[in-house]
Full PDB file with SEQRES, HELIX, SHEET, SSBOND, CRYST1, ORIGX, SCALE, CONECT and MASTER records, all heavy atoms in Angstrom:
SEQRES   1 A   39  GLY GLY ALA GLN VAL LEU ILE SER GLY LEU ALA ILE GLY          
SEQRES   2 A   39  PHE VAL ALA HIS ALA PHE ASP ASN ASP TRP LYS ALA SER          
SEQRES   3 A   39  LEU VAL LEU GLY LEU VAL LEU ALA LEU SER SER THR ALA          
HELIX    1 AA1 GLY A    2  ALA A   18  1                                  17    
HELIX    2 AA2 TRP A   23  ALA A   34  1                                  12    
CRYST1    1.000    1.000    1.000  90.00  90.00  90.00 P 1           1          
ORIGX1      1.000000  0.000000  0.000000        0.00000                         
ORIGX2      0.000000  1.000000  0.000000        0.00000                         
ORIGX3      0.000000  0.000000  1.000000        0.00000                         
SCALE1      1.000000  0.000000  0.000000        0.00000                         
SCALE2      0.000000  1.000000  0.000000        0.00000                         
SCALE3      0.000000  0.000000  1.000000        0.00000                         
ATOM      1  N   GLY A   1      21.271 -23.936  80.560  1.00  0.00           N  
ATOM      2  CA  GLY A   1      22.239 -24.987  81.053  1.00  0.00           C  
ATOM      3  C   GLY A   1      21.826 -25.604  82.317  1.00  0.00           C  
ATOM      4  O   GLY A   1      21.731 -26.900  82.427  1.00  0.00           O  
ATOM      5  N   GLY A   2      21.348 -24.906  83.310  1.00  0.00           N  
ATOM      6  CA  GLY A   2      20.918 -25.444  84.493  1.00  0.00           C  
ATOM      7  C   GLY A   2      19.731 -26.242  84.331  1.00  0.00           C  
ATOM      8  O   GLY A   2      19.440 -27.329  85.015  1.00  0.00           O  
ATOM      9  N   ALA A   3      18.744 -25.783  83.618  1.00  0.00           N  
ATOM     10  CA  ALA A   3      17.457 -26.483  83.272  1.00  0.00           C  
ATOM     11  C   ALA A   3      17.783 -27.843  82.567  1.00  0.00           C  
ATOM     12  O   ALA A   3      17.129 -28.863  82.924  1.00  0.00           O  
ATOM     13  CB  ALA A   3      16.555 -25.569  82.463  1.00  0.00           C  
ATOM     14  N   GLN A   4      18.716 -27.747  81.686  1.00  0.00           N  
ATOM     15  CA  GLN A   4      18.943 -28.962  80.844  1.00  0.00           C  
ATOM     16  C   GLN A   4      19.542 -30.048  81.830  1.00  0.00           C  
ATOM     17  O   GLN A   4      19.147 -31.261  81.745  1.00  0.00           O  
ATOM     18  CB  GLN A   4      20.004 -28.693  79.716  1.00  0.00           C  
ATOM     19  CG  GLN A   4      20.197 -29.829  78.790  1.00  0.00           C  
ATOM     20  CD  GLN A   4      21.351 -30.820  79.328  1.00  0.00           C  
ATOM     21  OE1 GLN A   4      22.254 -30.213  79.926  1.00  0.00           O  
ATOM     22  NE2 GLN A   4      21.309 -32.125  79.089  1.00  0.00           N  
ATOM     23  N   VAL A   5      20.468 -29.668  82.641  1.00  0.00           N  
ATOM     24  CA  VAL A   5      21.150 -30.720  83.500  1.00  0.00           C  
ATOM     25  C   VAL A   5      20.111 -31.285  84.539  1.00  0.00           C  
ATOM     26  O   VAL A   5      20.092 -32.467  84.728  1.00  0.00           O  
ATOM     27  CB  VAL A   5      22.298 -30.029  84.234  1.00  0.00           C  
ATOM     28  CG1 VAL A   5      22.931 -31.018  85.386  1.00  0.00           C  
ATOM     29  CG2 VAL A   5      23.484 -29.751  83.307  1.00  0.00           C  
ATOM     30  N   LEU A   6      19.355 -30.463  85.193  1.00  0.00           N  
ATOM     31  CA  LEU A   6      18.344 -30.824  86.100  1.00  0.00           C  
ATOM     32  C   LEU A   6      17.250 -31.710  85.521  1.00  0.00           C  
ATOM     33  O   LEU A   6      16.962 -32.817  86.038  1.00  0.00           O  
ATOM     34  CB  LEU A   6      17.824 -29.682  86.851  1.00  0.00           C  
ATOM     35  CG  LEU A   6      18.800 -28.892  87.822  1.00  0.00           C  
ATOM     36  CD1 LEU A   6      18.030 -27.651  88.390  1.00  0.00           C  
ATOM     37  CD2 LEU A   6      19.304 -29.758  88.889  1.00  0.00           C  
ATOM     38  N   ILE A   7      16.696 -31.214  84.432  1.00  0.00           N  
ATOM     39  CA  ILE A   7      15.515 -32.031  83.824  1.00  0.00           C  
ATOM     40  C   ILE A   7      16.026 -33.269  83.267  1.00  0.00           C  
ATOM     41  O   ILE A   7      15.418 -34.362  83.511  1.00  0.00           O  
ATOM     42  CB  ILE A   7      14.803 -31.118  82.788  1.00  0.00           C  
ATOM     43  CG1 ILE A   7      14.237 -29.830  83.473  1.00  0.00           C  
ATOM     44  CG2 ILE A   7      13.761 -31.908  82.152  1.00  0.00           C  
ATOM     45  CD1 ILE A   7      13.597 -28.887  82.529  1.00  0.00           C  
ATOM     46  N   SER A   8      17.128 -33.143  82.457  1.00  0.00           N  
ATOM     47  CA  SER A   8      17.609 -34.410  81.804  1.00  0.00           C  
ATOM     48  C   SER A   8      18.150 -35.521  82.910  1.00  0.00           C  
ATOM     49  O   SER A   8      17.799 -36.694  82.856  1.00  0.00           O  
ATOM     50  CB  SER A   8      18.816 -34.121  80.929  1.00  0.00           C  
ATOM     51  OG  SER A   8      18.391 -33.367  79.933  1.00  0.00           O  
ATOM     52  N   GLY A   9      18.761 -34.869  83.947  1.00  0.00           N  
ATOM     53  CA  GLY A   9      19.323 -35.780  85.053  1.00  0.00           C  
ATOM     54  C   GLY A   9      18.188 -36.448  85.853  1.00  0.00           C  
ATOM     55  O   GLY A   9      18.273 -37.725  86.021  1.00  0.00           O  
ATOM     56  N   LEU A  10      17.120 -35.759  86.108  1.00  0.00           N  
ATOM     57  CA  LEU A  10      15.958 -36.420  86.779  1.00  0.00           C  
ATOM     58  C   LEU A  10      15.298 -37.413  85.915  1.00  0.00           C  
ATOM     59  O   LEU A  10      14.853 -38.498  86.334  1.00  0.00           O  
ATOM     60  CB  LEU A  10      14.985 -35.406  87.156  1.00  0.00           C  
ATOM     61  CG  LEU A  10      15.442 -34.371  88.328  1.00  0.00           C  
ATOM     62  CD1 LEU A  10      14.322 -33.293  88.525  1.00  0.00           C  
ATOM     63  CD2 LEU A  10      15.613 -35.203  89.703  1.00  0.00           C  
ATOM     64  N   ALA A  11      15.063 -37.192  84.585  1.00  0.00           N  
ATOM     65  CA  ALA A  11      14.391 -38.043  83.710  1.00  0.00           C  
ATOM     66  C   ALA A  11      15.259 -39.329  83.484  1.00  0.00           C  
ATOM     67  O   ALA A  11      14.706 -40.433  83.609  1.00  0.00           O  
ATOM     68  CB  ALA A  11      14.188 -37.351  82.372  1.00  0.00           C  
ATOM     69  N   ILE A  12      16.600 -39.113  83.281  1.00  0.00           N  
ATOM     70  CA  ILE A  12      17.474 -40.274  83.129  1.00  0.00           C  
ATOM     71  C   ILE A  12      17.562 -41.095  84.286  1.00  0.00           C  
ATOM     72  O   ILE A  12      17.562 -42.344  84.343  1.00  0.00           O  
ATOM     73  CB  ILE A  12      18.831 -39.972  82.635  1.00  0.00           C  
ATOM     74  CG1 ILE A  12      18.757 -39.168  81.196  1.00  0.00           C  
ATOM     75  CG2 ILE A  12      19.806 -41.090  82.427  1.00  0.00           C  
ATOM     76  CD1 ILE A  12      20.015 -38.542  80.751  1.00  0.00           C  
ATOM     77  N   GLY A  13      17.705 -40.468  85.492  1.00  0.00           N  
ATOM     78  CA  GLY A  13      17.713 -41.145  86.817  1.00  0.00           C  
ATOM     79  C   GLY A  13      16.403 -41.923  87.100  1.00  0.00           C  
ATOM     80  O   GLY A  13      16.477 -43.039  87.578  1.00  0.00           O  
ATOM     81  N   PHE A  14      15.341 -41.290  86.742  1.00  0.00           N  
ATOM     82  CA  PHE A  14      14.052 -42.119  86.879  1.00  0.00           C  
ATOM     83  C   PHE A  14      14.049 -43.399  86.069  1.00  0.00           C  
ATOM     84  O   PHE A  14      13.575 -44.457  86.443  1.00  0.00           O  
ATOM     85  CB  PHE A  14      12.897 -41.217  86.494  1.00  0.00           C  
ATOM     86  CG  PHE A  14      11.521 -41.829  86.589  1.00  0.00           C  
ATOM     87  CD1 PHE A  14      10.930 -42.065  87.791  1.00  0.00           C  
ATOM     88  CD2 PHE A  14      10.861 -42.449  85.432  1.00  0.00           C  
ATOM     89  CE1 PHE A  14       9.615 -42.632  87.905  1.00  0.00           C  
ATOM     90  CE2 PHE A  14       9.684 -43.021  85.527  1.00  0.00           C  
ATOM     91  CZ  PHE A  14       9.015 -43.152  86.793  1.00  0.00           C  
ATOM     92  N   VAL A  15      14.484 -43.275  84.738  1.00  0.00           N  
ATOM     93  CA  VAL A  15      14.504 -44.518  83.867  1.00  0.00           C  
ATOM     94  C   VAL A  15      15.552 -45.414  84.496  1.00  0.00           C  
ATOM     95  O   VAL A  15      15.234 -46.718  84.514  1.00  0.00           O  
ATOM     96  CB  VAL A  15      15.028 -44.079  82.425  1.00  0.00           C  
ATOM     97  CG1 VAL A  15      15.237 -45.234  81.653  1.00  0.00           C  
ATOM     98  CG2 VAL A  15      13.986 -43.110  81.810  1.00  0.00           C  
ATOM     99  N   ALA A  16      16.726 -44.977  84.959  1.00  0.00           N  
ATOM    100  CA  ALA A  16      17.645 -45.962  85.522  1.00  0.00           C  
ATOM    101  C   ALA A  16      17.092 -46.646  86.774  1.00  0.00           C  
ATOM    102  O   ALA A  16      17.294 -47.839  86.971  1.00  0.00           O  
ATOM    103  CB  ALA A  16      19.002 -45.212  85.910  1.00  0.00           C  
ATOM    104  N   HIS A  17      16.365 -45.976  87.572  1.00  0.00           N  
ATOM    105  CA  HIS A  17      15.757 -46.523  88.790  1.00  0.00           C  
ATOM    106  C   HIS A  17      14.559 -47.498  88.405  1.00  0.00           C  
ATOM    107  O   HIS A  17      14.484 -48.529  89.126  1.00  0.00           O  
ATOM    108  CB  HIS A  17      15.159 -45.417  89.697  1.00  0.00           C  
ATOM    109  CG  HIS A  17      14.731 -45.931  91.016  1.00  0.00           C  
ATOM    110  ND1 HIS A  17      15.446 -46.513  91.897  1.00  0.00           N  
ATOM    111  CD2 HIS A  17      13.394 -46.012  91.569  1.00  0.00           C  
ATOM    112  CE1 HIS A  17      14.856 -46.800  93.023  1.00  0.00           C  
ATOM    113  NE2 HIS A  17      13.643 -46.549  92.901  1.00  0.00           N  
ATOM    114  N   ALA A  18      13.954 -47.309  87.268  1.00  0.00           N  
ATOM    115  CA  ALA A  18      12.932 -48.171  86.800  1.00  0.00           C  
ATOM    116  C   ALA A  18      13.495 -49.503  86.375  1.00  0.00           C  
ATOM    117  O   ALA A  18      12.810 -50.582  86.385  1.00  0.00           O  
ATOM    118  CB  ALA A  18      12.141 -47.555  85.627  1.00  0.00           C  
ATOM    119  N   PHE A  19      14.815 -49.612  86.135  1.00  0.00           N  
ATOM    120  CA  PHE A  19      15.543 -50.851  85.744  1.00  0.00           C  
ATOM    121  C   PHE A  19      16.176 -51.437  86.977  1.00  0.00           C  
ATOM    122  O   PHE A  19      17.246 -52.095  86.809  1.00  0.00           O  
ATOM    123  CB  PHE A  19      16.458 -50.631  84.646  1.00  0.00           C  
ATOM    124  CG  PHE A  19      15.876 -50.486  83.214  1.00  0.00           C  
ATOM    125  CD1 PHE A  19      15.333 -49.276  82.755  1.00  0.00           C  
ATOM    126  CD2 PHE A  19      15.886 -51.694  82.486  1.00  0.00           C  
ATOM    127  CE1 PHE A  19      14.787 -49.299  81.500  1.00  0.00           C  
ATOM    128  CE2 PHE A  19      15.267 -51.594  81.162  1.00  0.00           C  
ATOM    129  CZ  PHE A  19      14.752 -50.375  80.697  1.00  0.00           C  
ATOM    130  N   ASP A  20      15.555 -51.281  88.145  1.00  0.00           N  
ATOM    131  CA  ASP A  20      15.979 -51.850  89.369  1.00  0.00           C  
ATOM    132  C   ASP A  20      17.381 -51.393  89.868  1.00  0.00           C  
ATOM    133  O   ASP A  20      18.043 -52.260  90.611  1.00  0.00           O  
ATOM    134  CB  ASP A  20      15.979 -53.463  89.201  1.00  0.00           C  
ATOM    135  CG  ASP A  20      14.585 -53.881  88.987  1.00  0.00           C  
ATOM    136  OD1 ASP A  20      13.584 -53.284  89.568  1.00  0.00           O  
ATOM    137  OD2 ASP A  20      14.298 -54.965  88.307  1.00  0.00           O  
ATOM    138  N   ASN A  21      17.921 -50.339  89.498  1.00  0.00           N  
ATOM    139  CA  ASN A  21      19.064 -49.804  90.131  1.00  0.00           C  
ATOM    140  C   ASN A  21      18.675 -48.960  91.374  1.00  0.00           C  
ATOM    141  O   ASN A  21      17.663 -48.464  91.472  1.00  0.00           O  
ATOM    142  CB  ASN A  21      19.816 -48.803  89.149  1.00  0.00           C  
ATOM    143  CG  ASN A  21      20.338 -49.532  87.835  1.00  0.00           C  
ATOM    144  OD1 ASN A  21      21.148 -50.457  87.991  1.00  0.00           O  
ATOM    145  ND2 ASN A  21      19.801 -49.244  86.803  1.00  0.00           N  
ATOM    146  N   ASP A  22      19.566 -49.078  92.467  1.00  0.00           N  
ATOM    147  CA  ASP A  22      19.284 -48.286  93.598  1.00  0.00           C  
ATOM    148  C   ASP A  22      19.333 -46.779  93.376  1.00  0.00           C  
ATOM    149  O   ASP A  22      19.942 -46.379  92.297  1.00  0.00           O  
ATOM    150  CB  ASP A  22      20.215 -48.746  94.679  1.00  0.00           C  
ATOM    151  CG  ASP A  22      21.773 -48.312  94.373  1.00  0.00           C  
ATOM    152  OD1 ASP A  22      22.043 -47.117  94.617  1.00  0.00           O  
ATOM    153  OD2 ASP A  22      22.454 -49.157  93.971  1.00  0.00           O  
ATOM    154  N   TRP A  23      18.789 -46.037  94.251  1.00  0.00           N  
ATOM    155  CA  TRP A  23      18.586 -44.620  94.037  1.00  0.00           C  
ATOM    156  C   TRP A  23      19.856 -43.961  93.941  1.00  0.00           C  
ATOM    157  O   TRP A  23      19.965 -42.881  93.266  1.00  0.00           O  
ATOM    158  CB  TRP A  23      17.701 -43.934  95.081  1.00  0.00           C  
ATOM    159  CG  TRP A  23      18.313 -43.945  96.554  1.00  0.00           C  
ATOM    160  CD1 TRP A  23      18.333 -44.784  97.417  1.00  0.00           C  
ATOM    161  CD2 TRP A  23      19.033 -42.766  96.937  1.00  0.00           C  
ATOM    162  NE1 TRP A  23      19.043 -44.380  98.483  1.00  0.00           N  
ATOM    163  CE2 TRP A  23      19.570 -43.108  98.287  1.00  0.00           C  
ATOM    164  CE3 TRP A  23      19.476 -41.555  96.375  1.00  0.00           C  
ATOM    165  CZ2 TRP A  23      20.258 -42.224  99.002  1.00  0.00           C  
ATOM    166  CZ3 TRP A  23      20.228 -40.721  97.184  1.00  0.00           C  
ATOM    167  CH2 TRP A  23      20.684 -40.972  98.424  1.00  0.00           C  
ATOM    168  N   LYS A  24      20.912 -44.297  94.647  1.00  0.00           N  
ATOM    169  CA  LYS A  24      22.212 -43.700  94.553  1.00  0.00           C  
ATOM    170  C   LYS A  24      22.773 -43.812  93.185  1.00  0.00           C  
ATOM    171  O   LYS A  24      23.262 -42.808  92.586  1.00  0.00           O  
ATOM    172  CB  LYS A  24      23.139 -44.172  95.583  1.00  0.00           C  
ATOM    173  CG  LYS A  24      22.742 -43.824  97.047  1.00  0.00           C  
ATOM    174  CD  LYS A  24      23.806 -44.511  97.995  1.00  0.00           C  
ATOM    175  CE  LYS A  24      23.335 -44.282  99.439  1.00  0.00           C  
ATOM    176  NZ  LYS A  24      24.385 -44.882 100.406  1.00  0.00           N  
ATOM    177  N   ALA A  25      22.909 -44.972  92.698  1.00  0.00           N  
ATOM    178  CA  ALA A  25      23.444 -45.269  91.389  1.00  0.00           C  
ATOM    179  C   ALA A  25      22.666 -44.536  90.286  1.00  0.00           C  
ATOM    180  O   ALA A  25      23.110 -43.961  89.305  1.00  0.00           O  
ATOM    181  CB  ALA A  25      23.566 -46.782  91.019  1.00  0.00           C  
ATOM    182  N   SER A  26      21.281 -44.546  90.499  1.00  0.00           N  
ATOM    183  CA  SER A  26      20.333 -43.919  89.522  1.00  0.00           C  
ATOM    184  C   SER A  26      20.635 -42.318  89.514  1.00  0.00           C  
ATOM    185  O   SER A  26      20.563 -41.826  88.402  1.00  0.00           O  
ATOM    186  CB  SER A  26      18.925 -44.268  89.848  1.00  0.00           C  
ATOM    187  OG  SER A  26      18.638 -45.714  89.766  1.00  0.00           O  
ATOM    188  N   LEU A  27      20.826 -41.840  90.700  1.00  0.00           N  
ATOM    189  CA  LEU A  27      21.058 -40.363  90.795  1.00  0.00           C  
ATOM    190  C   LEU A  27      22.399 -40.041  89.967  1.00  0.00           C  
ATOM    191  O   LEU A  27      22.387 -39.048  89.195  1.00  0.00           O  
ATOM    192  CB  LEU A  27      21.117 -39.925  92.162  1.00  0.00           C  
ATOM    193  CG  LEU A  27      21.358 -38.369  92.315  1.00  0.00           C  
ATOM    194  CD1 LEU A  27      20.302 -37.616  91.779  1.00  0.00           C  
ATOM    195  CD2 LEU A  27      21.524 -38.182  93.863  1.00  0.00           C  
ATOM    196  N   VAL A  28      23.467 -40.823  90.218  1.00  0.00           N  
ATOM    197  CA  VAL A  28      24.706 -40.513  89.618  1.00  0.00           C  
ATOM    198  C   VAL A  28      24.596 -40.699  88.036  1.00  0.00           C  
ATOM    199  O   VAL A  28      25.108 -39.892  87.354  1.00  0.00           O  
ATOM    200  CB  VAL A  28      25.794 -41.380  90.155  1.00  0.00           C  
ATOM    201  CG1 VAL A  28      27.072 -41.184  89.391  1.00  0.00           C  
ATOM    202  CG2 VAL A  28      25.982 -40.894  91.677  1.00  0.00           C  
ATOM    203  N   LEU A  29      23.976 -41.783  87.695  1.00  0.00           N  
ATOM    204  CA  LEU A  29      23.839 -42.088  86.306  1.00  0.00           C  
ATOM    205  C   LEU A  29      22.958 -41.002  85.523  1.00  0.00           C  
ATOM    206  O   LEU A  29      23.293 -40.503  84.411  1.00  0.00           O  
ATOM    207  CB  LEU A  29      23.048 -43.363  86.074  1.00  0.00           C  
ATOM    208  CG  LEU A  29      23.971 -44.608  86.207  1.00  0.00           C  
ATOM    209  CD1 LEU A  29      23.176 -45.879  85.979  1.00  0.00           C  
ATOM    210  CD2 LEU A  29      25.103 -44.635  85.163  1.00  0.00           C  
ATOM    211  N   GLY A  30      21.931 -40.534  86.189  1.00  0.00           N  
ATOM    212  CA  GLY A  30      21.046 -39.489  85.653  1.00  0.00           C  
ATOM    213  C   GLY A  30      21.924 -38.228  85.412  1.00  0.00           C  
ATOM    214  O   GLY A  30      21.801 -37.624  84.339  1.00  0.00           O  
ATOM    215  N   LEU A  31      22.613 -37.780  86.453  1.00  0.00           N  
ATOM    216  CA  LEU A  31      23.400 -36.514  86.279  1.00  0.00           C  
ATOM    217  C   LEU A  31      24.498 -36.631  85.227  1.00  0.00           C  
ATOM    218  O   LEU A  31      24.787 -35.745  84.515  1.00  0.00           O  
ATOM    219  CB  LEU A  31      23.842 -36.063  87.632  1.00  0.00           C  
ATOM    220  CG  LEU A  31      22.793 -35.692  88.652  1.00  0.00           C  
ATOM    221  CD1 LEU A  31      23.363 -35.360  90.007  1.00  0.00           C  
ATOM    222  CD2 LEU A  31      22.079 -34.448  88.085  1.00  0.00           C  
ATOM    223  N   VAL A  32      25.333 -37.781  85.290  1.00  0.00           N  
ATOM    224  CA  VAL A  32      26.477 -37.831  84.514  1.00  0.00           C  
ATOM    225  C   VAL A  32      26.003 -38.118  82.950  1.00  0.00           C  
ATOM    226  O   VAL A  32      26.641 -37.510  82.058  1.00  0.00           O  
ATOM    227  CB  VAL A  32      27.321 -39.071  84.851  1.00  0.00           C  
ATOM    228  CG1 VAL A  32      26.688 -40.490  84.654  1.00  0.00           C  
ATOM    229  CG2 VAL A  32      28.721 -39.036  84.244  1.00  0.00           C  
ATOM    230  N   LEU A  33      24.916 -38.825  82.689  1.00  0.00           N  
ATOM    231  CA  LEU A  33      24.460 -38.924  81.349  1.00  0.00           C  
ATOM    232  C   LEU A  33      23.707 -37.638  80.867  1.00  0.00           C  
ATOM    233  O   LEU A  33      23.559 -37.585  79.637  1.00  0.00           O  
ATOM    234  CB  LEU A  33      23.526 -40.093  81.269  1.00  0.00           C  
ATOM    235  CG  LEU A  33      24.235 -41.529  81.487  1.00  0.00           C  
ATOM    236  CD1 LEU A  33      23.181 -42.715  81.301  1.00  0.00           C  
ATOM    237  CD2 LEU A  33      25.391 -41.685  80.559  1.00  0.00           C  
ATOM    238  N   ALA A  34      23.382 -36.738  81.785  1.00  0.00           N  
ATOM    239  CA  ALA A  34      22.865 -35.477  81.332  1.00  0.00           C  
ATOM    240  C   ALA A  34      23.896 -34.655  80.697  1.00  0.00           C  
ATOM    241  O   ALA A  34      23.541 -33.663  79.888  1.00  0.00           O  
ATOM    242  CB  ALA A  34      22.188 -34.835  82.432  1.00  0.00           C  
ATOM    243  N   LEU A  35      25.187 -34.886  80.962  1.00  0.00           N  
ATOM    244  CA  LEU A  35      26.198 -34.125  80.378  1.00  0.00           C  
ATOM    245  C   LEU A  35      26.524 -34.578  78.880  1.00  0.00           C  
ATOM    246  O   LEU A  35      26.391 -35.788  78.612  1.00  0.00           O  
ATOM    247  CB  LEU A  35      27.541 -34.238  81.229  1.00  0.00           C  
ATOM    248  CG  LEU A  35      27.454 -34.027  82.728  1.00  0.00           C  
ATOM    249  CD1 LEU A  35      28.746 -34.033  83.452  1.00  0.00           C  
ATOM    250  CD2 LEU A  35      26.770 -32.639  82.969  1.00  0.00           C  
ATOM    251  N   SER A  36      26.989 -33.591  78.091  1.00  0.00           N  
ATOM    252  CA  SER A  36      27.200 -33.982  76.783  1.00  0.00           C  
ATOM    253  C   SER A  36      28.773 -33.736  76.475  1.00  0.00           C  
ATOM    254  O   SER A  36      29.475 -33.372  77.328  1.00  0.00           O  
ATOM    255  CB  SER A  36      26.492 -33.015  75.784  1.00  0.00           C  
ATOM    256  OG  SER A  36      25.012 -33.084  76.029  1.00  0.00           O  
ATOM    257  N   SER A  37      29.224 -34.013  75.262  1.00  0.00           N  
ATOM    258  CA  SER A  37      30.614 -34.099  74.896  1.00  0.00           C  
ATOM    259  C   SER A  37      30.947 -32.709  74.393  1.00  0.00           C  
ATOM    260  O   SER A  37      30.611 -32.338  73.251  1.00  0.00           O  
ATOM    261  CB  SER A  37      30.870 -35.230  73.836  1.00  0.00           C  
ATOM    262  OG  SER A  37      32.232 -35.035  73.484  1.00  0.00           O  
ATOM    263  N   THR A  38      31.718 -31.934  75.232  1.00  0.00           N  
ATOM    264  CA  THR A  38      32.192 -30.631  74.798  1.00  0.00           C  
ATOM    265  C   THR A  38      33.138 -30.702  73.551  1.00  0.00           C  
ATOM    266  O   THR A  38      33.053 -30.000  72.598  1.00  0.00           O  
ATOM    267  CB  THR A  38      32.960 -29.944  75.868  1.00  0.00           C  
ATOM    268  OG1 THR A  38      32.022 -29.752  77.012  1.00  0.00           O  
ATOM    269  CG2 THR A  38      33.457 -28.545  75.511  1.00  0.00           C  
ATOM    270  N   ALA A  39      33.986 -31.794  73.609  1.00  0.00           N  
ATOM    271  CA  ALA A  39      34.946 -31.912  72.489  1.00  0.00           C  
ATOM    272  C   ALA A  39      34.327 -32.157  71.206  1.00  0.00           C  
ATOM    273  O   ALA A  39      34.605 -31.571  70.178  1.00  0.00           O  
ATOM    274  CB  ALA A  39      35.921 -33.104  72.917  1.00  0.00           C  
TER     275      ALA A  39                                                      
MASTER        0    0    0    2    0    0    0    6  274    1    0    3          
END                                                                             
């Protein structure tokens, strides 16, 4: 679980930053999109 959140979060955050988002928004987007739907 820890590896999935960290690796997915960093990868998604890097993609978000590549689309000209600032690092703060990219970091939050990376981590929140790393989460899946429990329900």
